[in-house]
Amino acid sequence: MKSRTIDELLARCVQVEGRIPGSPCMVWTGCKNKKGYGICFHRNRTMRVHRLAYSIVLGEIPDEMLVCHRCDNPSCVNVEHLFVGTNLDNLRDMVKKGRSTRGERNHSAKLTEKQVQEIRVGYTGRGYAVAVANKYGISPGHVRELISG
């Protein structure tokens, strides 16, 4: 089978979808990994397609750097939606956009935000942590961490 150029591959396996006004996502329709990132075989190795698109259009990706999505669409290969950043940059972007699983959004959370606020406001001093811990089924240390922020 004849190998395809990157342009041919992108033309065949990309669908344009509106996600960001004026700059639609270019969604990879070829193979994807479990997290939804497009993958392809290039130069004898499997690559994430958004990283490949970024490097072809915008240049080399520095070592230890990620190629992150402004559009939060892992299948998108539109280089206008991509930026280079550290893992911390990517995590901050996730938190800023409200996609983190902190607080009630975490499947293992034992308290609601309202309960946490009630615990903080209701602090009475000695013995409080043990009483609250028993009430909510958490440890006294956890209560102290909540109070101290």
C-alpha atoms as a PDB file:
ATOM      1  CA  MET A   1       0.000   0.000   0.000  1.00  0.00           C
ATOM      2  CA  LYS A   2       1.299   3.471  -0.906  1.00  0.00           C
ATOM      3  CA  SER A   3       2.148   5.605   2.108  1.00  0.00           C
ATOM      4  CA  ARG A   4       0.259   8.859   2.346  1.00  0.00           C
ATOM      5  CA  THR A   5       1.691  12.297   2.872  1.00  0.00           C
ATOM      6  CA  ILE A   6       0.621  14.134   5.999  1.00  0.00           C
ATOM      7  CA  ASP A   7      -1.538  16.498   3.907  1.00  0.00           C
ATOM      8  CA  GLU A   8      -3.349  13.546   2.307  1.00  0.00           C
ATOM      9  CA  LEU A   9      -3.854  11.910   5.682  1.00  0.00           C
ATOM     10  CA  LEU A  10      -5.244  15.092   7.240  1.00  0.00           C
ATOM     11  CA  ALA A  11      -7.502  15.749   4.234  1.00  0.00           C
ATOM     12  CA  ARG A  12      -8.919  12.230   4.458  1.00  0.00           C
ATOM     13  CA  CYS A  13      -9.293  11.970   8.224  1.00  0.00           C
ATOM     14  CA  VAL A  14     -10.390  15.427   9.384  1.00  0.00           C
ATOM     15  CA  GLN A  15     -13.923  16.796   9.719  1.00  0.00           C
ATOM     16  CA  VAL A  16     -14.581  20.470  10.442  1.00  0.00           C
ATOM     17  CA  GLU A  17     -16.942  21.189  13.374  1.00  0.00           C
ATOM     18  CA  GLY A  18     -17.912  24.460  15.018  1.00  0.00           C
ATOM     19  CA  ARG A  19     -16.785  24.666  18.627  1.00  0.00           C
ATOM     20  CA  ILE A  20     -14.986  27.979  18.828  1.00  0.00           C
ATOM     21  CA  PRO A  21     -16.790  30.795  16.939  1.00  0.00           C
ATOM     22  CA  GLY A  22     -14.819  31.819  13.860  1.00  0.00           C
ATOM     23  CA  SER A  23     -12.339  28.980  14.287  1.00  0.00           C
ATOM     24  CA  PRO A  24     -13.948  25.553  14.038  1.00  0.00           C
ATOM     25  CA  CYS A  25     -12.410  22.377  15.412  1.00  0.00           C
ATOM     26  CA  MET A  26     -10.777  20.135  12.852  1.00  0.00           C
ATOM     27  CA  VAL A  27     -11.732  16.761  14.279  1.00  0.00           C
ATOM     28  CA  TRP A  28      -9.605  13.700  13.583  1.00  0.00           C
ATOM     29  CA  THR A  29     -11.856  10.887  12.316  1.00  0.00           C
ATOM     30  CA  GLY A  30      -9.139   8.242  12.017  1.00  0.00           C
ATOM     31  CA  CYS A  31      -7.866   5.986  14.798  1.00  0.00           C
ATOM     32  CA  LYS A  32      -8.105   7.322  18.356  1.00  0.00           C
ATOM     33  CA  ASN A  33      -6.770   6.182  21.691  1.00  0.00           C
ATOM     34  CA  LYS A  34      -8.952   5.495  24.764  1.00  0.00           C
ATOM     35  CA  LYS A  35      -8.913   9.172  25.750  1.00  0.00           C
ATOM     36  CA  GLY A  36     -10.109  10.337  22.321  1.00  0.00           C
ATOM     37  CA  TYR A  37      -6.796  11.656  20.987  1.00  0.00           C
ATOM     38  CA  GLY A  38      -6.218  10.993  17.303  1.00  0.00           C
ATOM     39  CA  ILE A  39      -3.284   8.689  16.633  1.00  0.00           C
ATOM     40  CA  CYS A  40      -1.369   7.730  13.518  1.00  0.00           C
ATOM     41  CA  PHE A  41       1.821   5.952  12.548  1.00  0.00           C
ATOM     42  CA  HIS A  42       4.517   8.407  11.421  1.00  0.00           C
ATOM     43  CA  ARG A  43       8.252   7.851  10.989  1.00  0.00           C
ATOM     44  CA  ASN A  44       8.103   4.347  12.429  1.00  0.00           C
ATOM     45  CA  ARG A  45       6.226   5.271  15.591  1.00  0.00           C
ATOM     46  CA  THR A  46       2.724   5.937  16.831  1.00  0.00           C
ATOM     47  CA  MET A  47       2.060   9.638  17.397  1.00  0.00           C
ATOM     48  CA  ARG A  48      -0.807  11.738  18.671  1.00  0.00           C
ATOM     49  CA  VAL A  49      -2.072  13.597  15.621  1.00  0.00           C
ATOM     50  CA  HIS A  50      -2.488  16.973  17.358  1.00  0.00           C
ATOM     51  CA  ARG A  51       1.220  16.902  18.289  1.00  0.00           C
ATOM     52  CA  LEU A  52       2.125  15.998  14.717  1.00  0.00           C
ATOM     53  CA  ALA A  53      -0.045  18.810  13.295  1.00  0.00           C
ATOM     54  CA  TYR A  54       1.459  21.307  15.750  1.00  0.00           C
ATOM     55  CA  SER A  55       5.039  20.330  14.898  1.00  0.00           C
ATOM     56  CA  ILE A  56       4.437  20.458  11.139  1.00  0.00           C
ATOM     57  CA  VAL A  57       2.767  23.878  11.167  1.00  0.00           C
ATOM     58  CA  LEU A  58       4.280  25.684  14.156  1.00  0.00           C
ATOM     59  CA  GLY A  59       7.612  23.943  14.653  1.00  0.00           C
ATOM     60  CA  GLU A  60       9.375  21.654  17.055  1.00  0.00           C
ATOM     61  CA  ILE A  61       7.819  20.877  20.416  1.00  0.00           C
ATOM     62  CA  PRO A  62      10.322  21.410  23.240  1.00  0.00           C
ATOM     63  CA  ASP A  63      11.237  18.323  25.261  1.00  0.00           C
ATOM     64  CA  GLU A  64       8.988  17.564  28.227  1.00  0.00           C
ATOM     65  CA  MET A  65       6.280  19.900  26.902  1.00  0.00           C
ATOM     66  CA  LEU A  66       2.669  19.040  26.149  1.00  0.00           C
ATOM     67  CA  VAL A  67       0.538  20.242  23.260  1.00  0.00           C
ATOM     68  CA  CYS A  68      -2.685  21.362  24.955  1.00  0.00           C
ATOM     69  CA  HIS A  69      -6.140  22.116  23.504  1.00  0.00           C
ATOM     70  CA  ARG A  70      -7.841  25.478  24.028  1.00  0.00           C
ATOM     71  CA  CYS A  71     -11.065  23.901  22.746  1.00  0.00           C
ATOM     72  CA  ASP A  72     -10.902  20.925  25.157  1.00  0.00           C
ATOM     73  CA  ASN A  73     -11.533  18.579  22.236  1.00  0.00           C
ATOM     74  CA  PRO A  74      -8.838  15.864  22.266  1.00  0.00           C
ATOM     75  CA  SER A  75      -9.647  14.919  18.658  1.00  0.00           C
ATOM     76  CA  CYS A  76      -9.061  18.460  17.361  1.00  0.00           C
ATOM     77  CA  VAL A  77      -6.000  19.066  15.161  1.00  0.00           C
ATOM     78  CA  ASN A  78      -6.646  22.750  14.393  1.00  0.00           C
ATOM     79  CA  VAL A  79      -3.329  24.393  15.285  1.00  0.00           C
ATOM     80  CA  GLU A  80      -5.167  27.601  16.214  1.00  0.00           C
ATOM     81  CA  HIS A  81      -6.656  25.629  19.114  1.00  0.00           C
ATOM     82  CA  LEU A  82      -3.326  24.214  20.290  1.00  0.00           C
ATOM     83  CA  PHE A  83      -0.678  25.631  22.611  1.00  0.00           C
ATOM     84  CA  VAL A  84       2.510  24.298  24.148  1.00  0.00           C
ATOM     85  CA  GLY A  85       2.632  24.104  27.926  1.00  0.00           C
ATOM     86  CA  THR A  86       3.830  22.159  30.918  1.00  0.00           C
ATOM     87  CA  ASN A  87       1.693  19.656  32.771  1.00  0.00           C
ATOM     88  CA  LEU A  88       1.043  22.374  35.360  1.00  0.00           C
ATOM     89  CA  ASP A  89      -0.127  24.773  32.608  1.00  0.00           C
ATOM     90  CA  ASN A  90      -2.523  22.088  31.379  1.00  0.00           C
ATOM     91  CA  LEU A  91      -3.848  21.464  34.903  1.00  0.00           C
ATOM     92  CA  ARG A  92      -4.357  25.193  35.515  1.00  0.00           C
ATOM     93  CA  ASP A  93      -6.215  25.469  32.201  1.00  0.00           C
ATOM     94  CA  MET A  94      -8.460  22.576  33.268  1.00  0.00           C
ATOM     95  CA  VAL A  95      -9.240  24.176  36.654  1.00  0.00           C
ATOM     96  CA  LYS A  96      -9.843  27.607  35.072  1.00  0.00           C
ATOM     97  CA  LYS A  97     -12.392  26.045  32.718  1.00  0.00           C
ATOM     98  CA  GLY A  98     -14.141  24.169  35.536  1.00  0.00           C
ATOM     99  CA  ARG A  99     -13.218  20.702  34.295  1.00  0.00           C
ATOM    100  CA  SER A 100     -11.400  19.511  37.412  1.00  0.00           C
ATOM    101  CA  THR A 101     -12.919  16.881  39.663  1.00  0.00           C
ATOM    102  CA  ARG A 102     -12.313  18.842  42.810  1.00  0.00           C
ATOM    103  CA  GLY A 103     -14.911  19.065  45.538  1.00  0.00           C
ATOM    104  CA  GLU A 104     -18.352  17.617  44.883  1.00  0.00           C
ATOM    105  CA  ARG A 105     -17.421  16.677  41.316  1.00  0.00           C
ATOM    106  CA  ASN A 106     -15.002  14.079  42.675  1.00  0.00           C
ATOM    107  CA  HIS A 107     -16.751  10.696  42.744  1.00  0.00           C
ATOM    108  CA  SER A 108     -15.235   9.871  46.149  1.00  0.00           C
ATOM    109  CA  ALA A 109     -16.191  13.169  47.839  1.00  0.00           C
ATOM    110  CA  LYS A 110     -17.887  12.644  51.196  1.00  0.00           C
ATOM    111  CA  LEU A 111     -19.050  16.221  51.744  1.00  0.00           C
ATOM    112  CA  THR A 112     -20.895  18.808  49.715  1.00  0.00           C
ATOM    113  CA  GLU A 113     -19.593  22.368  49.356  1.00  0.00           C
ATOM    114  CA  LYS A 114     -22.451  23.479  51.606  1.00  0.00           C
ATOM    115  CA  GLN A 115     -21.395  21.037  54.338  1.00  0.00           C
ATOM    116  CA  VAL A 116     -17.781  22.216  54.112  1.00  0.00           C
ATOM    117  CA  GLN A 117     -18.916  25.836  54.548  1.00  0.00           C
ATOM    118  CA  GLU A 118     -21.102  24.849  57.520  1.00  0.00           C
ATOM    119  CA  ILE A 119     -18.131  23.078  59.126  1.00  0.00           C
ATOM    120  CA  ARG A 120     -15.890  26.128  58.641  1.00  0.00           C
ATOM    121  CA  VAL A 121     -18.458  28.640  59.882  1.00  0.00           C
ATOM    122  CA  GLY A 122     -19.541  26.482  62.818  1.00  0.00           C
ATOM    123  CA  TYR A 123     -16.064  26.006  64.281  1.00  0.00           C
ATOM    124  CA  THR A 124     -16.302  26.241  68.070  1.00  0.00           C
ATOM    125  CA  GLY A 125     -12.857  25.164  69.215  1.00  0.00           C
ATOM    126  CA  ARG A 126     -11.862  22.231  71.405  1.00  0.00           C
ATOM    127  CA  GLY A 127     -13.659  18.954  70.669  1.00  0.00           C
ATOM    128  CA  TYR A 128     -15.275  20.340  67.509  1.00  0.00           C
ATOM    129  CA  ALA A 129     -13.252  18.213  65.074  1.00  0.00           C
ATOM    130  CA  VAL A 130     -14.190  14.935  66.779  1.00  0.00           C
ATOM    131  CA  ALA A 131     -17.891  15.820  66.969  1.00  0.00           C
ATOM    132  CA  VAL A 132     -18.042  16.881  63.316  1.00  0.00           C
ATOM    133  CA  ALA A 133     -15.997  13.857  62.214  1.00  0.00           C
ATOM    134  CA  ASN A 134     -18.485  11.529  63.905  1.00  0.00           C
ATOM    135  CA  LYS A 135     -21.436  13.371  62.379  1.00  0.00           C
ATOM    136  CA  TYR A 136     -20.141  13.176  58.776  1.00  0.00           C
ATOM    137  CA  GLY A 137     -18.156   9.920  58.917  1.00  0.00           C
ATOM    138  CA  ILE A 138     -14.778  11.537  58.267  1.00  0.00           C
ATOM    139  CA  SER A 139     -11.622  11.764  60.350  1.00  0.00           C
ATOM    140  CA  PRO A 140     -10.914  14.558  62.859  1.00  0.00           C
ATOM    141  CA  GLY A 141      -7.761  15.330  60.856  1.00  0.00           C
ATOM    142  CA  HIS A 142      -9.884  15.879  57.770  1.00  0.00           C
ATOM    143  CA  VAL A 143     -12.081  18.294  59.722  1.00  0.00           C
ATOM    144  CA  ARG A 144      -9.003  20.218  60.899  1.00  0.00           C
ATOM    145  CA  GLU A 145      -7.767  20.436  57.268  1.00  0.00           C
ATOM    146  CA  LEU A 146     -11.150  21.794  56.178  1.00  0.00           C
ATOM    147  CA  ILE A 147     -11.097  24.444  58.907  1.00  0.00           C
ATOM    148  CA  SER A 148      -7.534  25.536  58.122  1.00  0.00           C
ATOM    149  CA  GLY A 149      -8.292  25.680  54.411  1.00  0.00           C
END
